[in-house]
Amino acid sequence: MKKVNMLLVNDEQIVINTWKKSFDPTKYEITEARSGAEALDFVKKLKELDKNARLVVLLDVVMPGLNGIAVLRRIKTEFPFSKVYIITGNTVATDIPDVAYSTGLYRGDRFFLKQKLDMDDLIAEIEKGIREQESQFKSTDAA
């Protein structure tokens, strides 16, 4: 099976390192981004290499420059079937899921608060999301 492209986006390297060590490198092609701009550079390059690439993103919300919601919007434009998991410890950002879901653009994405984050639960959600993504691609390939 082909590795899944995983993009880890957080302005804190220690958080990226924690996330990264939780994932099997034989299953995931992991890329790190320390800002929204770096994340979008990767997305652009991936799109040029493979416009049908499977993409999973772990995304912080509060970052210098482009915030996570702006990055999410751009990722969804390039890869509509991508699975994005917004992870934030910022209590001010707790209303973001309601705002994002109400737009309708982010159906299928998941939101987690770091204080409640259990990596086993997150990995299970990601694996479920990858299965959903595969079935979405199969249905569009058949059409």
Protein backbone atom coordinates (compact mmCIF):
# COMPACT_ATOMS: atom_id res chain seq x y z
CA MET A 1 0.00 0.00 0.00
CA LYS A 2 1.21 3.49 -0.85
CA LYS A 3 2.26 5.71 2.05
CA VAL A 4 -0.16 8.45 3.06
CA ASN A 5 1.15 12.02 2.90
CA MET A 6 0.98 13.51 6.38
CA LEU A 7 1.63 17.18 7.04
CA LEU A 8 2.31 18.27 10.64
CA VAL A 9 1.78 22.02 11.08
CA ASN A 10 2.66 23.75 14.33
CA ASP A 11 4.91 26.69 15.22
CA GLU A 12 6.32 24.74 18.18
CA GLN A 13 8.92 22.13 17.17
CA ILE A 14 8.45 20.18 20.40
CA VAL A 15 4.79 19.62 19.51
CA ILE A 16 5.69 18.47 16.00
CA ASN A 17 8.24 16.05 17.50
CA THR A 18 5.61 14.63 19.85
CA TRP A 19 3.14 14.13 17.02
CA LYS A 20 5.77 12.70 14.69
CA LYS A 21 6.97 9.97 17.03
CA SER A 22 3.40 8.66 17.30
CA PHE A 23 3.14 7.68 13.63
CA ASP A 24 4.61 4.68 11.84
CA PRO A 25 7.06 5.93 9.17
CA THR A 26 6.32 2.84 7.06
CA LYS A 27 2.69 4.01 6.70
CA TYR A 28 3.13 7.78 6.49
CA GLU A 29 5.31 10.12 4.44
CA ILE A 30 5.66 12.80 7.09
CA THR A 31 6.42 16.45 6.32
CA GLU A 32 6.83 19.17 8.96
CA ALA A 33 5.83 22.82 8.65
CA ARG A 34 6.46 25.45 11.32
CA SER A 35 4.07 28.02 9.81
CA GLY A 36 1.00 28.31 7.66
CA ALA A 37 3.12 29.61 4.79
CA GLU A 38 5.43 26.55 4.96
CA ALA A 39 2.39 24.28 5.00
CA LEU A 40 0.95 25.92 1.90
CA ASP A 41 4.32 25.68 0.11
CA PHE A 42 4.26 21.93 0.72
CA VAL A 43 0.65 21.64 -0.45
CA LYS A 44 1.50 23.50 -3.66
CA LYS A 45 4.48 21.22 -4.36
CA LEU A 46 2.46 18.10 -3.60
CA LYS A 47 -0.30 19.25 -5.96
CA GLU A 48 2.30 19.74 -8.73
CA LEU A 49 3.64 16.21 -8.15
CA ASP A 50 0.30 14.44 -7.78
CA LYS A 51 -3.00 16.29 -8.06
CA ASN A 52 -4.78 13.20 -6.64
CA ALA A 53 -2.46 12.70 -3.66
CA ARG A 54 -3.98 11.49 -0.41
CA LEU A 55 -3.28 14.04 2.33
CA VAL A 56 -3.75 14.01 6.10
CA VAL A 57 -2.95 17.19 8.05
CA LEU A 58 -2.48 17.82 11.77
CA LEU A 59 -2.91 21.57 12.09
CA ASP A 60 -2.49 24.07 14.90
CA VAL A 61 -4.88 27.02 14.88
CA VAL A 62 -2.96 29.83 16.54
CA MET A 63 0.29 30.50 14.68
CA PRO A 64 2.13 33.64 13.60
CA GLY A 65 1.13 34.79 10.12
CA LEU A 66 -1.57 32.62 8.57
CA ASN A 67 -3.74 31.00 11.21
CA GLY A 68 -4.94 27.41 11.00
CA ILE A 69 -8.39 28.24 9.62
CA ALA A 70 -6.87 30.22 6.71
CA VAL A 71 -4.52 27.31 6.02
CA LEU A 72 -7.41 24.84 6.24
CA ARG A 73 -9.42 26.83 3.70
CA ARG A 74 -6.51 26.82 1.21
CA ILE A 75 -5.75 23.12 1.74
CA LYS A 76 -9.39 22.25 1.07
CA THR A 77 -9.25 24.25 -2.17
CA GLU A 78 -6.26 22.23 -3.40
CA PHE A 79 -7.20 18.84 -1.90
CA PRO A 80 -10.94 18.70 -1.20
CA PHE A 81 -10.76 15.10 0.04
CA SER A 82 -7.91 15.79 2.46
CA LYS A 83 -8.46 14.93 6.10
CA VAL A 84 -7.52 17.77 8.41
CA TYR A 85 -7.30 17.42 12.18
CA ILE A 86 -7.22 20.77 13.94
CA ILE A 87 -5.45 20.50 17.27
CA THR A 88 -5.28 23.48 19.59
CA GLY A 89 -4.65 24.14 23.22
CA ASN A 90 -5.80 27.73 22.92
CA THR A 91 -8.97 28.15 24.93
CA VAL A 92 -9.90 31.24 22.91
CA ALA A 93 -10.03 28.99 19.86
CA THR A 94 -12.65 26.62 21.29
CA ASP A 95 -15.43 28.21 19.22
CA ILE A 96 -13.53 27.52 15.98
CA PRO A 97 -15.18 24.12 15.37
CA ASP A 98 -18.63 25.74 15.37
CA VAL A 99 -17.49 28.48 13.01
CA ALA A 100 -15.72 26.05 10.67
CA TYR A 101 -18.53 23.49 10.60
CA SER A 102 -21.18 26.16 10.02
CA THR A 103 -19.49 27.15 6.75
CA GLY A 104 -20.04 23.64 5.36
CA LEU A 105 -16.58 23.61 3.79
CA TYR A 106 -14.96 21.50 6.48
CA ARG A 107 -17.21 18.47 6.73
CA GLY A 108 -15.22 15.39 7.60
CA ASP A 109 -12.49 17.29 9.41
CA ARG A 110 -11.94 16.75 13.10
CA PHE A 111 -11.14 19.10 15.96
CA PHE A 112 -9.24 18.24 19.14
CA LEU A 113 -8.18 20.30 22.13
CA LYS A 114 -4.64 19.50 23.27
CA GLN A 115 -5.68 19.32 26.90
CA LYS A 116 -7.92 16.39 26.01
CA LEU A 117 -5.73 14.91 23.26
CA ASP A 118 -5.14 11.18 23.48
CA MET A 119 -2.76 10.11 20.71
CA ASP A 120 -4.32 6.63 20.49
CA ASP A 121 -7.73 8.23 19.88
CA LEU A 122 -6.21 10.60 17.33
CA ILE A 123 -4.48 7.74 15.48
CA ALA A 124 -7.75 5.78 15.40
CA GLU A 125 -9.55 8.86 14.01
CA ILE A 126 -6.86 9.34 11.37
CA GLU A 127 -7.02 5.70 10.27
CA LYS A 128 -10.81 6.00 10.04
CA GLY A 129 -10.38 9.21 8.02
CA ILE A 130 -7.96 7.49 5.63
CA ARG A 131 -10.51 4.71 5.01
CA GLU A 132 -13.18 7.37 4.31
CA GLN A 133 -10.77 9.17 1.99
CA GLU A 134 -10.05 5.97 0.07
CA SER A 135 -13.75 5.30 -0.45
CA GLN A 136 -14.26 8.90 -1.65
CA PHE A 137 -11.47 8.46 -4.19
CA LYS A 138 -12.87 5.12 -5.35
CA SER A 139 -16.33 6.63 -5.89
CA THR A 140 -14.91 9.56 -7.92
CA ASP A 141 -12.66 7.20 -9.92
CA ALA A 142 -15.71 5.08 -10.80
CA ALA A 143 -17.72 8.10 -11.97
